[in-house]
Amino acid sequence: MSFNFGTVPGSCPVFSTPVLHVEKPSSITFATNLLGADGRPDSGKVCKGNVINAPGGVAGAEQWKSKMESPWREVAWTEDRRETLMESISSYKPGCEALSEARVLLLGPVGAGKSSFISSVQSAFTGRFTNRAMVGSSSASFTKKLQLFNIRGRSPEQPTALVLCDVMGLGDGEKTGLTLHDTLAIIKGHAPEGHKFSPEQPVRSETVGYVKKPSLKDKVHCVVFVVDASKVSSYTKGLGTTFQQLREHISDLGVHQVALLTHVDQVCQETARDITQVYNSQIVQQTMTNAGALLGMSTSYIVPVKNYSSELDVAQNTDILLLSAVDHILQYVDLHFQDCAATYPKLSL
């Protein structure tokens, strides 16, 4: 299947990525020469005799490469910051009087962490780990249906205005995973909640529950691509093509897109030990650059997260990273509502 793309209207402005000018000891410069394109030690370049200037040998080379003297993004890792984010998200109201909820669609390959992100965000509010969205462990997509999750506040009686939409994983083409056709049907508001997707049975007007004339509340107000940091360099070329096609068509619909880089603790040992080091990690920064290339997206739209997985209790700094990601998403939701107001003046903002 091929598609003809024109100029993409309504695309977000591209912001430049911060550049740090930091002097490094010669030992660090030497260590970086031993690293591959993914920012990790290349076994083909490393041998016992050429890591003498890298403290700790190969492991030391990775550690020195990873740690930067100054963070490339500033974050306040404090309880006050977590409380501020929770309050901001809890009190959020869509920038359109006609709506009570903002609908956000998560898209990504199988195992990228879409369902885990939903559960992790809910866990941050409840103060304990909650499996809100069921998560699988196989190579096949566990999620088959379109599921809508209204994120609750600190109690079930305090729902937020944020609805996260979970759906089956993307594939390498139209024969596996969620298809381009069905993805656009979701975004346009035609696909009913609970619809079970199948490449052999695309969403059509004859589909049970099909929404023929969707209103703004039925449509998706922001799309979030979810990619696994530990797999960015191994994703297939076909998946990259799928991302590019989706981005083109979604932009044509005037819907803003951002991205989550999950599992950042799996690509950097320093970040795994201390999540507050995520923006001091050059490995994470390089992985984000690679993710941007895969998605065809500026890194200013991409934020790193660490989902809860085996934990039973939540942690302040992990919560801050998760809630910061939600805050980032809501900024682009509001941009969509502003665009809609410009297109449809009768909408009240």
C-alpha atoms as a PDB file:
ATOM      1  CA  MET A   1       0.000   0.000   0.000  1.00  0.00           C
ATOM      2  CA  SER A   2       1.330   3.446  -0.872  1.00  0.00           C
ATOM      3  CA  PHE A   3       0.183   6.894   0.126  1.00  0.00           C
ATOM      4  CA  ASN A   4       0.494  10.328  -1.441  1.00  0.00           C
ATOM      5  CA  PHE A   5       1.421  13.010   1.045  1.00  0.00           C
ATOM      6  CA  GLY A   6       1.114  16.743   0.555  1.00  0.00           C
ATOM      7  CA  THR A   7       2.184  19.627   2.705  1.00  0.00           C
ATOM      8  CA  VAL A   8       1.355  18.901   6.337  1.00  0.00           C
ATOM      9  CA  PRO A   9      -0.790  21.709   7.796  1.00  0.00           C
ATOM     10  CA  GLY A  10      -0.994  22.575  11.441  1.00  0.00           C
ATOM     11  CA  SER A  11       2.340  21.006  12.338  1.00  0.00           C
ATOM     12  CA  CYS A  12       3.996  22.067  15.566  1.00  0.00           C
ATOM     13  CA  PRO A  13       6.993  24.410  15.542  1.00  0.00           C
ATOM     14  CA  VAL A  14      10.356  22.703  15.779  1.00  0.00           C
ATOM     15  CA  PHE A  15      12.474  23.696  18.713  1.00  0.00           C
ATOM     16  CA  SER A  16      16.200  23.254  18.743  1.00  0.00           C
ATOM     17  CA  THR A  17      17.735  20.775  21.132  1.00  0.00           C
ATOM     18  CA  PRO A  18      19.932  22.338  23.852  1.00  0.00           C
ATOM     19  CA  VAL A  19      23.650  21.990  23.163  1.00  0.00           C
ATOM     20  CA  LEU A  20      26.010  21.710  26.071  1.00  0.00           C
ATOM     21  CA  HIS A  21      29.595  22.892  25.735  1.00  0.00           C
ATOM     22  CA  VAL A  22      31.437  21.031  28.454  1.00  0.00           C
ATOM     23  CA  GLU A  23      35.137  20.316  28.594  1.00  0.00           C
ATOM     24  CA  LYS A  24      35.902  16.659  29.261  1.00  0.00           C
ATOM     25  CA  PRO A  25      39.082  15.046  30.532  1.00  0.00           C
ATOM     26  CA  SER A  26      41.104  13.282  27.890  1.00  0.00           C
ATOM     27  CA  SER A  27      40.213   9.940  29.425  1.00  0.00           C
ATOM     28  CA  ILE A  28      36.526  10.574  28.701  1.00  0.00           C
ATOM     29  CA  THR A  29      37.249  11.648  25.142  1.00  0.00           C
ATOM     30  CA  PHE A  30      39.222   8.464  24.690  1.00  0.00           C
ATOM     31  CA  ALA A  31      36.393   6.387  26.153  1.00  0.00           C
ATOM     32  CA  THR A  32      33.820   7.879  23.805  1.00  0.00           C
ATOM     33  CA  ASN A  33      35.855   6.654  20.851  1.00  0.00           C
ATOM     34  CA  LEU A  34      35.098   3.120  22.009  1.00  0.00           C
ATOM     35  CA  LEU A  35      31.345   3.557  21.735  1.00  0.00           C
ATOM     36  CA  GLY A  36      29.048   2.544  18.916  1.00  0.00           C
ATOM     37  CA  ALA A  37      26.217   4.483  17.270  1.00  0.00           C
ATOM     38  CA  ASP A  38      23.806   3.521  20.076  1.00  0.00           C
ATOM     39  CA  GLY A  39      26.034   5.177  22.683  1.00  0.00           C
ATOM     40  CA  ARG A  40      27.160   1.925  24.264  1.00  0.00           C
ATOM     41  CA  PRO A  41      30.609   0.234  24.217  1.00  0.00           C
ATOM     42  CA  ASP A  42      31.322  -1.414  20.886  1.00  0.00           C
ATOM     43  CA  SER A  43      32.935  -4.811  21.464  1.00  0.00           C
ATOM     44  CA  GLY A  44      34.607  -4.470  18.090  1.00  0.00           C
ATOM     45  CA  LYS A  45      36.468  -1.365  19.264  1.00  0.00           C
ATOM     46  CA  VAL A  46      37.176  -2.391  22.835  1.00  0.00           C
ATOM     47  CA  CYS A  47      39.952  -4.709  23.913  1.00  0.00           C
ATOM     48  CA  LYS A  48      41.831  -5.170  27.174  1.00  0.00           C
ATOM     49  CA  GLY A  49      44.703  -2.965  26.103  1.00  0.00           C
ATOM     50  CA  ASN A  50      42.845   0.104  24.873  1.00  0.00           C
ATOM     51  CA  VAL A  51      40.699   0.960  27.896  1.00  0.00           C
ATOM     52  CA  ILE A  52      43.558   1.993  30.156  1.00  0.00           C
ATOM     53  CA  ASN A  53      42.304   5.617  30.202  1.00  0.00           C
ATOM     54  CA  ALA A  54      38.705   4.615  30.913  1.00  0.00           C
ATOM     55  CA  PRO A  55      38.245   4.045  34.672  1.00  0.00           C
ATOM     56  CA  GLY A  56      36.702   0.644  35.250  1.00  0.00           C
ATOM     57  CA  GLY A  57      37.496  -0.695  31.769  1.00  0.00           C
ATOM     58  CA  VAL A  58      34.507  -1.278  29.457  1.00  0.00           C
ATOM     59  CA  ALA A  59      31.962  -0.665  32.206  1.00  0.00           C
ATOM     60  CA  GLY A  60      33.816   2.505  33.112  1.00  0.00           C
ATOM     61  CA  ALA A  61      33.710   3.682  29.514  1.00  0.00           C
ATOM     62  CA  GLU A  62      29.919   3.399  29.541  1.00  0.00           C
ATOM     63  CA  GLN A  63      29.616   5.134  32.898  1.00  0.00           C
ATOM     64  CA  TRP A  64      31.839   8.072  31.902  1.00  0.00           C
ATOM     65  CA  LYS A  65      30.032   8.379  28.595  1.00  0.00           C
ATOM     66  CA  SER A  66      26.680   8.346  30.372  1.00  0.00           C
ATOM     67  CA  LYS A  67      27.260  10.960  33.062  1.00  0.00           C
ATOM     68  CA  MET A  68      27.235  14.631  32.056  1.00  0.00           C
ATOM     69  CA  GLU A  69      28.338  17.478  34.287  1.00  0.00           C
ATOM     70  CA  SER A  70      25.139  19.467  33.707  1.00  0.00           C
ATOM     71  CA  PRO A  71      21.601  18.207  32.946  1.00  0.00           C
ATOM     72  CA  TRP A  72      20.332  18.809  29.424  1.00  0.00           C
ATOM     73  CA  ARG A  73      16.857  19.474  30.848  1.00  0.00           C
ATOM     74  CA  GLU A  74      16.114  20.966  34.260  1.00  0.00           C
ATOM     75  CA  VAL A  75      13.768  19.157  36.660  1.00  0.00           C
ATOM     76  CA  ALA A  76      13.007  19.924  40.309  1.00  0.00           C
ATOM     77  CA  TRP A  77      13.120  16.537  42.031  1.00  0.00           C
ATOM     78  CA  THR A  78      11.161  17.619  45.101  1.00  0.00           C
ATOM     79  CA  GLU A  79       7.937  16.702  46.876  1.00  0.00           C
ATOM     80  CA  ASP A  80       6.654  20.201  46.127  1.00  0.00           C
ATOM     81  CA  ARG A  81       7.134  19.570  42.424  1.00  0.00           C
ATOM     82  CA  ARG A  82       5.217  16.298  42.589  1.00  0.00           C
ATOM     83  CA  GLU A  83       2.365  17.994  44.460  1.00  0.00           C
ATOM     84  CA  THR A  84       2.286  20.853  41.954  1.00  0.00           C
ATOM     85  CA  LEU A  85       2.064  18.435  39.017  1.00  0.00           C
ATOM     86  CA  MET A  86      -0.664  16.379  40.687  1.00  0.00           C
ATOM     87  CA  GLU A  87      -2.705  19.478  41.420  1.00  0.00           C
ATOM     88  CA  SER A  88      -2.245  20.831  37.899  1.00  0.00           C
ATOM     89  CA  ILE A  89      -3.347  17.561  36.272  1.00  0.00           C
ATOM     90  CA  SER A  90      -6.192  16.983  38.737  1.00  0.00           C
ATOM     91  CA  SER A  91      -7.627  20.442  38.141  1.00  0.00           C
ATOM     92  CA  TYR A  92      -7.061  20.418  34.369  1.00  0.00           C
ATOM     93  CA  LYS A  93     -10.029  21.392  32.219  1.00  0.00           C
ATOM     94  CA  PRO A  94     -10.047  21.120  28.411  1.00  0.00           C
ATOM     95  CA  GLY A  95      -9.593  24.423  26.649  1.00  0.00           C
ATOM     96  CA  CYS A  96     -13.041  24.089  25.123  1.00  0.00           C
ATOM     97  CA  GLU A  97     -16.261  24.650  27.068  1.00  0.00           C
ATOM     98  CA  ALA A  98     -18.077  22.046  24.987  1.00  0.00           C
ATOM     99  CA  LEU A  99     -15.864  19.259  26.367  1.00  0.00           C
ATOM    100  CA  SER A 100     -15.447  17.727  29.797  1.00  0.00           C
ATOM    101  CA  GLU A 101     -12.610  15.362  28.858  1.00  0.00           C
ATOM    102  CA  ALA A 102      -9.443  15.384  26.785  1.00  0.00           C
ATOM    103  CA  ARG A 103      -8.918  12.194  24.782  1.00  0.00           C
ATOM    104  CA  VAL A 104      -5.320  11.053  24.184  1.00  0.00           C
ATOM    105  CA  LEU A 105      -4.377   8.030  22.040  1.00  0.00           C
ATOM    106  CA  LEU A 106      -1.257   5.983  22.799  1.00  0.00           C
ATOM    107  CA  LEU A 107       0.364   4.338  19.747  1.00  0.00           C
ATOM    108  CA  GLY A 108       3.423   2.113  19.616  1.00  0.00           C
ATOM    109  CA  PRO A 109       4.753  -1.373  18.889  1.00  0.00           C
ATOM    110  CA  VAL A 110       3.989  -4.377  21.061  1.00  0.00           C
ATOM    111  CA  GLY A 111       5.782  -4.206  24.404  1.00  0.00           C
ATOM    112  CA  ALA A 112       6.687  -0.513  24.170  1.00  0.00           C
ATOM    113  CA  GLY A 113       4.884   0.239  27.435  1.00  0.00           C
ATOM    114  CA  LYS A 114       1.559   1.835  26.444  1.00  0.00           C
ATOM    115  CA  SER A 115      -0.590  -0.068  28.948  1.00  0.00           C
ATOM    116  CA  SER A 116       2.141   0.141  31.587  1.00  0.00           C
ATOM    117  CA  PHE A 117       2.232   3.923  31.228  1.00  0.00           C
ATOM    118  CA  ILE A 118      -1.515   4.135  31.869  1.00  0.00           C
ATOM    119  CA  SER A 119      -1.203   1.974  34.987  1.00  0.00           C
ATOM    120  CA  SER A 120       1.876   3.895  36.151  1.00  0.00           C
ATOM    121  CA  VAL A 121       0.173   7.291  35.848  1.00  0.00           C
ATOM    122  CA  GLN A 122      -2.810   5.969  37.787  1.00  0.00           C
ATOM    123  CA  SER A 123      -0.449   4.535  40.396  1.00  0.00           C
ATOM    124  CA  ALA A 124       1.183   7.937  40.895  1.00  0.00           C
ATOM    125  CA  PHE A 125      -2.214   9.342  41.908  1.00  0.00           C
ATOM    126  CA  THR A 126      -3.350   6.454  44.103  1.00  0.00           C
ATOM    127  CA  GLY A 127      -0.001   6.193  45.919  1.00  0.00           C
ATOM    128  CA  ARG A 128       0.403   2.473  45.304  1.00  0.00           C
ATOM    129  CA  PHE A 129       0.933   0.300  42.242  1.00  0.00           C
ATOM    130  CA  THR A 130      -2.308  -0.263  40.350  1.00  0.00           C
ATOM    131  CA  ASN A 131      -2.690  -2.452  37.256  1.00  0.00           C
ATOM    132  CA  ARG A 132      -5.317  -0.234  35.660  1.00  0.00           C
ATOM    133  CA  ALA A 133      -4.604  -1.450  32.121  1.00  0.00           C
ATOM    134  CA  MET A 134      -3.827  -5.147  31.728  1.00  0.00           C
ATOM    135  CA  VAL A 135      -0.280  -5.829  30.533  1.00  0.00           C
ATOM    136  CA  GLY A 136       0.942  -8.876  28.619  1.00  0.00           C
ATOM    137  CA  SER A 137       4.399 -10.437  28.405  1.00  0.00           C
ATOM    138  CA  SER A 138       4.368 -12.177  25.014  1.00  0.00           C
ATOM    139  CA  SER A 139       5.515 -10.900  21.618  1.00  0.00           C
ATOM    140  CA  ALA A 140       1.871 -10.617  20.526  1.00  0.00           C
ATOM    141  CA  SER A 141      -0.257  -7.613  21.443  1.00  0.00           C
ATOM    142  CA  PHE A 142      -2.153  -8.253  24.679  1.00  0.00           C
ATOM    143  CA  THR A 143      -4.506  -5.335  24.045  1.00  0.00           C
ATOM    144  CA  LYS A 144      -6.923  -6.086  21.197  1.00  0.00           C
ATOM    145  CA  LYS A 145      -9.750  -3.631  21.829  1.00  0.00           C
ATOM    146  CA  LEU A 146     -10.056   0.129  22.008  1.00  0.00           C
ATOM    147  CA  GLN A 147     -10.079   0.842  25.739  1.00  0.00           C
ATOM    148  CA  LEU A 148     -10.630   4.244  27.333  1.00  0.00           C
ATOM    149  CA  PHE A 149      -9.175   4.926  30.783  1.00  0.00           C
ATOM    150  CA  ASN A 150     -10.304   7.995  32.659  1.00  0.00           C
ATOM    151  CA  ILE A 151      -7.422   8.744  35.016  1.00  0.00           C
ATOM    152  CA  ARG A 152      -8.774   9.070  38.536  1.00  0.00           C
ATOM    153  CA  GLY A 153      -7.428  11.555  41.034  1.00  0.00           C
ATOM    154  CA  ARG A 154      -6.357  10.567  44.511  1.00  0.00           C
ATOM    155  CA  SER A 155      -9.742   8.990  45.086  1.00  0.00           C
ATOM    156  CA  PRO A 156     -12.284   7.333  42.753  1.00  0.00           C
ATOM    157  CA  GLU A 157     -14.636  10.248  43.449  1.00  0.00           C
ATOM    158  CA  GLN A 158     -12.111  12.675  41.926  1.00  0.00           C
ATOM    159  CA  PRO A 159     -11.723  11.811  38.230  1.00  0.00           C
ATOM    160  CA  THR A 160      -9.439  13.991  36.144  1.00  0.00           C
ATOM    161  CA  ALA A 161     -10.398  15.294  32.715  1.00  0.00           C
ATOM    162  CA  LEU A 162      -7.732  13.092  31.094  1.00  0.00           C
ATOM    163  CA  VAL A 163      -8.763   9.988  29.144  1.00  0.00           C
ATOM    164  CA  LEU A 164      -5.956   7.738  27.890  1.00  0.00           C
ATOM    165  CA  CYS A 165      -6.873   5.455  24.993  1.00  0.00           C
ATOM    166  CA  ASP A 166      -5.173   2.063  24.794  1.00  0.00           C
ATOM    167  CA  VAL A 167      -5.198  -0.023  21.656  1.00  0.00           C
ATOM    168  CA  MET A 168      -3.352  -2.951  20.065  1.00  0.00           C
ATOM    169  CA  GLY A 169       0.282  -2.511  19.086  1.00  0.00           C
ATOM    170  CA  LEU A 170       1.519  -1.318  15.716  1.00  0.00           C
ATOM    171  CA  GLY A 171       3.091  -3.755  13.276  1.00  0.00           C
ATOM    172  CA  ASP A 172       5.599  -3.546  10.435  1.00  0.00           C
ATOM    173  CA  GLY A 173       2.883  -3.081   7.841  1.00  0.00           C
ATOM    174  CA  GLU A 174      -0.803  -3.458   7.085  1.00  0.00           C
ATOM    175  CA  LYS A 175      -0.866  -7.214   7.755  1.00  0.00           C
ATOM    176  CA  THR A 176       0.235  -7.172  11.391  1.00  0.00           C
ATOM    177  CA  GLY A 177      -0.935  -5.068  14.298  1.00  0.00           C
ATOM    178  CA  LEU A 178      -3.135  -1.999  14.131  1.00  0.00           C
ATOM    179  CA  THR A 179      -3.551  -0.763  10.551  1.00  0.00           C
ATOM    180  CA  LEU A 180      -3.251   2.796   9.290  1.00  0.00           C
ATOM    181  CA  HIS A 181      -6.919   2.744   8.283  1.00  0.00           C
ATOM    182  CA  ASP A 182      -8.124   1.724  11.739  1.00  0.00           C
ATOM    183  CA  THR A 183      -5.770   4.144  13.482  1.00  0.00           C
ATOM    184  CA  LEU A 184      -7.252   7.044  11.532  1.00  0.00           C
ATOM    185  CA  ALA A 185     -10.766   5.743  12.258  1.00  0.00           C
ATOM    186  CA  ILE A 186      -9.988   5.996  15.979  1.00  0.00           C
ATOM    187  CA  ILE A 187      -8.559   9.499  15.690  1.00  0.00           C
ATOM    188  CA  LYS A 188     -11.513  10.722  13.608  1.00  0.00           C
ATOM    189  CA  GLY A 189     -13.893   9.329  16.243  1.00  0.00           C
ATOM    190  CA  HIS A 190     -15.532   6.616  14.128  1.00  0.00           C
ATOM    191  CA  ALA A 191     -14.316   3.560  16.093  1.00  0.00           C
ATOM    192  CA  PRO A 192     -16.543   2.673  19.071  1.00  0.00           C
ATOM    193  CA  GLU A 193     -15.117   1.968  22.505  1.00  0.00           C
ATOM    194  CA  GLY A 194     -14.597  -1.769  22.979  1.00  0.00           C
ATOM    195  CA  HIS A 195     -14.175  -2.466  19.261  1.00  0.00           C
ATOM    196  CA  LYS A 196     -11.897  -5.460  18.664  1.00  0.00           C
ATOM    197  CA  PHE A 197      -9.441  -4.767  15.864  1.00  0.00           C
ATOM    198  CA  SER A 198      -8.386  -7.148  13.128  1.00  0.00           C
ATOM    199  CA  PRO A 199      -6.430  -6.417   9.918  1.00  0.00           C
ATOM    200  CA  GLU A 200      -8.936  -8.614   8.068  1.00  0.00           C
ATOM    201  CA  GLN A 201     -11.940  -6.640   9.339  1.00  0.00           C
ATOM    202  CA  PRO A 202     -11.278  -2.903   9.088  1.00  0.00           C
ATOM    203  CA  VAL A 203     -13.545  -0.356  10.746  1.00  0.00           C
ATOM    204  CA  ARG A 204     -16.321   0.562   8.307  1.00  0.00           C
ATOM    205  CA  SER A 205     -19.765   2.134   8.381  1.00  0.00           C
ATOM    206  CA  GLU A 206     -21.195  -1.371   8.793  1.00  0.00           C
ATOM    207  CA  THR A 207     -19.133  -1.983  11.943  1.00  0.00           C
ATOM    208  CA  VAL A 208     -21.275  -2.454  15.062  1.00  0.00           C
ATOM    209  CA  GLY A 209     -21.287   0.783  17.035  1.00  0.00           C
ATOM    210  CA  TYR A 210     -19.690   2.797  14.224  1.00  0.00           C
ATOM    211  CA  VAL A 211     -19.959   6.533  14.916  1.00  0.00           C
ATOM    212  CA  LYS A 212     -21.139   8.039  11.633  1.00  0.00           C
ATOM    213  CA  LYS A 213     -21.033  11.707  12.642  1.00  0.00           C
ATOM    214  CA  PRO A 214     -18.468  12.022  15.427  1.00  0.00           C
ATOM    215  CA  SER A 215     -18.404  15.225  17.449  1.00  0.00           C
ATOM    216  CA  LEU A 216     -15.263  16.812  18.892  1.00  0.00           C
ATOM    217  CA  LYS A 217     -15.655  14.783  22.101  1.00  0.00           C
ATOM    218  CA  ASP A 218     -15.543  11.513  20.107  1.00  0.00           C
ATOM    219  CA  LYS A 219     -12.273  12.426  18.406  1.00  0.00           C
ATOM    220  CA  VAL A 220      -8.689  12.102  19.624  1.00  0.00           C
ATOM    221  CA  HIS A 221      -7.169  15.402  20.749  1.00  0.00           C
ATOM    222  CA  CYS A 222      -3.514  14.329  20.891  1.00  0.00           C
ATOM    223  CA  VAL A 223      -1.520  11.288  19.759  1.00  0.00           C
ATOM    224  CA  VAL A 224       1.346   9.953  21.867  1.00  0.00           C
ATOM    225  CA  PHE A 225       3.851   7.612  20.237  1.00  0.00           C
ATOM    226  CA  VAL A 226       5.448   5.191  22.695  1.00  0.00           C
ATOM    227  CA  VAL A 227       8.842   3.640  21.937  1.00  0.00           C
ATOM    228  CA  ASP A 228      11.087   1.400  24.030  1.00  0.00           C
ATOM    229  CA  ALA A 229      14.520   2.952  24.624  1.00  0.00           C
ATOM    230  CA  SER A 230      16.135  -0.488  24.826  1.00  0.00           C
ATOM    231  CA  LYS A 231      14.812  -1.421  21.364  1.00  0.00           C
ATOM    232  CA  VAL A 232      15.134   1.832  19.412  1.00  0.00           C
ATOM    233  CA  SER A 233      18.238   0.635  17.559  1.00  0.00           C
ATOM    234  CA  SER A 234      16.681  -2.765  16.745  1.00  0.00           C
ATOM    235  CA  TYR A 235      13.261  -1.688  15.482  1.00  0.00           C
ATOM    236  CA  THR A 236      12.714  -2.780  11.886  1.00  0.00           C
ATOM    237  CA  LYS A 237      12.794  -0.482   8.893  1.00  0.00           C
ATOM    238  CA  GLY A 238       9.173  -1.435   8.265  1.00  0.00           C
ATOM    239  CA  LEU A 239       8.145  -0.065  11.655  1.00  0.00           C
ATOM    240  CA  GLY A 240       9.977   3.155  10.896  1.00  0.00           C
ATOM    241  CA  THR A 241       7.986   3.445   7.666  1.00  0.00           C
ATOM    242  CA  THR A 242       4.777   2.830   9.619  1.00  0.00           C
ATOM    243  CA  PHE A 243       5.650   5.663  12.000  1.00  0.00           C
ATOM    244  CA  GLN A 244       6.368   8.041   9.131  1.00  0.00           C
ATOM    245  CA  GLN A 245       3.097   7.237   7.368  1.00  0.00           C
ATOM    246  CA  LEU A 246       1.108   7.671  10.555  1.00  0.00           C
ATOM    247  CA  ARG A 247       2.788  10.988  11.325  1.00  0.00           C
ATOM    248  CA  GLU A 248       1.972  12.344   7.870  1.00  0.00           C
ATOM    249  CA  HIS A 249      -1.700  11.357   7.986  1.00  0.00           C
ATOM    250  CA  ILE A 250      -2.260  12.410  11.611  1.00  0.00           C
ATOM    251  CA  SER A 251      -0.686  15.795  10.889  1.00  0.00           C
ATOM    252  CA  ASP A 252      -3.073  16.182   7.957  1.00  0.00           C
ATOM    253  CA  LEU A 253      -5.895  15.833  10.488  1.00  0.00           C
ATOM    254  CA  GLY A 254      -4.454  18.700  12.515  1.00  0.00           C
ATOM    255  CA  VAL A 255      -3.751  16.545  15.574  1.00  0.00           C
ATOM    256  CA  HIS A 256      -0.558  17.264  17.512  1.00  0.00           C
ATOM    257  CA  GLN A 257       1.822  14.440  18.349  1.00  0.00           C
ATOM    258  CA  VAL A 258       4.387  13.869  21.089  1.00  0.00           C
ATOM    259  CA  ALA A 259       6.334  10.793  22.174  1.00  0.00           C
ATOM    260  CA  LEU A 260       7.321   8.829  25.272  1.00  0.00           C
ATOM    261  CA  LEU A 261      10.690   7.088  25.530  1.00  0.00           C
ATOM    262  CA  THR A 262      10.086   4.224  27.952  1.00  0.00           C
ATOM    263  CA  HIS A 263      12.475   1.859  29.755  1.00  0.00           C
ATOM    264  CA  VAL A 264      15.222   4.501  29.977  1.00  0.00           C
ATOM    265  CA  ASP A 265      16.520   2.706  33.063  1.00  0.00           C
ATOM    266  CA  GLN A 266      17.392  -0.264  30.852  1.00  0.00           C
ATOM    267  CA  VAL A 267      19.851   1.646  28.641  1.00  0.00           C
ATOM    268  CA  CYS A 268      21.796   3.519  31.318  1.00  0.00           C
ATOM    269  CA  GLN A 269      23.122   1.994  34.539  1.00  0.00           C
ATOM    270  CA  GLU A 270      23.410   5.378  36.245  1.00  0.00           C
ATOM    271  CA  THR A 271      19.760   6.145  35.488  1.00  0.00           C
ATOM    272  CA  ALA A 272      18.746   2.673  36.694  1.00  0.00           C
ATOM    273  CA  ARG A 273      20.430   3.383  40.028  1.00  0.00           C
ATOM    274  CA  ASP A 274      19.021   6.891  40.313  1.00  0.00           C
ATOM    275  CA  ILE A 275      16.213   8.086  38.032  1.00  0.00           C
ATOM    276  CA  THR A 276      17.088  11.737  38.771  1.00  0.00           C
ATOM    277  CA  GLN A 277      20.162  11.221  36.586  1.00  0.00           C
ATOM    278  CA  VAL A 278      18.043  10.692  33.466  1.00  0.00           C
ATOM    279  CA  TYR A 279      18.792  14.202  32.154  1.00  0.00           C
ATOM    280  CA  ASN A 280      22.468  13.873  33.048  1.00  0.00           C
ATOM    281  CA  SER A 281      22.747  10.766  30.881  1.00  0.00           C
ATOM    282  CA  GLN A 282      24.340  11.167  27.489  1.00  0.00           C
ATOM    283  CA  ILE A 283      23.240   7.629  26.639  1.00  0.00           C
ATOM    284  CA  VAL A 284      19.599   8.565  27.233  1.00  0.00           C
ATOM    285  CA  GLN A 285      20.081  11.786  25.262  1.00  0.00           C
ATOM    286  CA  GLN A 286      21.571   9.878  22.316  1.00  0.00           C
ATOM    287  CA  THR A 287      18.811   7.263  22.493  1.00  0.00           C
ATOM    288  CA  MET A 288      16.243  10.063  22.389  1.00  0.00           C
ATOM    289  CA  THR A 289      17.958  11.487  19.290  1.00  0.00           C
ATOM    290  CA  ASN A 290      17.747   8.042  17.671  1.00  0.00           C
ATOM    291  CA  ALA A 291      14.060   7.808  18.632  1.00  0.00           C
ATOM    292  CA  GLY A 292      13.473  11.205  17.040  1.00  0.00           C
ATOM    293  CA  ALA A 293      15.055   9.970  13.814  1.00  0.00           C
ATOM    294  CA  LEU A 294      12.874   6.835  13.912  1.00  0.00           C
ATOM    295  CA  LEU A 295       9.705   8.874  14.389  1.00  0.00           C
ATOM    296  CA  GLY A 296      10.678  11.822  12.208  1.00  0.00           C
ATOM    297  CA  MET A 297      10.140  14.051  15.226  1.00  0.00           C
ATOM    298  CA  SER A 298      12.143  16.756  16.996  1.00  0.00           C
ATOM    299  CA  THR A 299      13.441  15.679  20.411  1.00  0.00           C
ATOM    300  CA  SER A 300      11.622  18.672  21.931  1.00  0.00           C
ATOM    301  CA  TYR A 301       8.435  16.614  21.592  1.00  0.00           C
ATOM    302  CA  ILE A 302       9.921  13.521  23.288  1.00  0.00           C
ATOM    303  CA  VAL A 303      10.060  12.886  27.043  1.00  0.00           C
ATOM    304  CA  PRO A 304      11.633   9.936  28.896  1.00  0.00           C
ATOM    305  CA  VAL A 305       9.666   7.898  31.429  1.00  0.00           C
ATOM    306  CA  LYS A 306      10.157   4.931  33.703  1.00  0.00           C
ATOM    307  CA  ASN A 307       7.024   2.843  34.108  1.00  0.00           C
ATOM    308  CA  TYR A 308       6.306   0.882  37.259  1.00  0.00           C
ATOM    309  CA  SER A 309       6.618  -2.854  36.638  1.00  0.00           C
ATOM    310  CA  SER A 310       7.669  -5.060  39.556  1.00  0.00           C
ATOM    311  CA  GLU A 311       7.292  -2.404  42.268  1.00  0.00           C
ATOM    312  CA  LEU A 312       4.469  -2.518  44.816  1.00  0.00           C
ATOM    313  CA  ASP A 313       5.011   1.016  46.067  1.00  0.00           C
ATOM    314  CA  VAL A 314       5.478   4.253  44.158  1.00  0.00           C
ATOM    315  CA  ALA A 315       8.518   6.529  44.363  1.00  0.00           C
ATOM    316  CA  GLN A 316       8.600  10.321  44.378  1.00  0.00           C
ATOM    317  CA  ASN A 317      11.113  10.793  41.550  1.00  0.00           C
ATOM    318  CA  THR A 318       9.517   8.197  39.271  1.00  0.00           C
ATOM    319  CA  ASP A 319       6.179   9.923  39.856  1.00  0.00           C
ATOM    320  CA  ILE A 320       7.695  13.287  38.904  1.00  0.00           C
ATOM    321  CA  LEU A 321       8.961  11.880  35.600  1.00  0.00           C
ATOM    322  CA  LEU A 322       5.567  10.290  34.834  1.00  0.00           C
ATOM    323  CA  LEU A 323       3.522  13.333  35.820  1.00  0.00           C
ATOM    324  CA  SER A 324       5.858  15.623  33.884  1.00  0.00           C
ATOM    325  CA  ALA A 325       5.120  13.508  30.815  1.00  0.00           C
ATOM    326  CA  VAL A 326       1.367  13.938  31.371  1.00  0.00           C
ATOM    327  CA  ASP A 327       1.836  17.695  31.785  1.00  0.00           C
ATOM    328  CA  HIS A 328       3.791  17.720  28.503  1.00  0.00           C
ATOM    329  CA  ILE A 329       0.949  15.869  26.741  1.00  0.00           C
ATOM    330  CA  LEU A 330      -1.735  18.227  28.051  1.00  0.00           C
ATOM    331  CA  GLN A 331       0.126  21.232  26.655  1.00  0.00           C
ATOM    332  CA  TYR A 332      -0.304  19.801  23.161  1.00  0.00           C
ATOM    333  CA  VAL A 333      -3.923  18.855  23.850  1.00  0.00           C
ATOM    334  CA  ASP A 334      -4.597  22.527  24.534  1.00  0.00           C
ATOM    335  CA  LEU A 335      -2.795  23.504  21.334  1.00  0.00           C
ATOM    336  CA  HIS A 336      -5.238  21.278  19.457  1.00  0.00           C
ATOM    337  CA  PHE A 337      -8.213  23.016  21.063  1.00  0.00           C
ATOM    338  CA  GLN A 338      -6.734  26.393  20.126  1.00  0.00           C
ATOM    339  CA  ASP A 339      -6.365  25.211  16.529  1.00  0.00           C
ATOM    340  CA  CYS A 340      -9.962  23.966  16.538  1.00  0.00           C
ATOM    341  CA  ALA A 341     -11.184  27.344  17.776  1.00  0.00           C
ATOM    342  CA  ALA A 342      -9.380  29.048  14.909  1.00  0.00           C
ATOM    343  CA  THR A 343     -10.975  26.646  12.421  1.00  0.00           C
ATOM    344  CA  TYR A 344     -14.406  26.559  14.029  1.00  0.00           C
ATOM    345  CA  PRO A 345     -15.065  30.002  15.584  1.00  0.00           C
ATOM    346  CA  LYS A 346     -18.327  28.840  17.155  1.00  0.00           C
ATOM    347  CA  LEU A 347     -16.414  26.623  19.605  1.00  0.00           C
ATOM    348  CA  SER A 348     -16.108  28.251  23.018  1.00  0.00           C
ATOM    349  CA  LEU A 349     -12.655  28.228  24.614  1.00  0.00           C
END
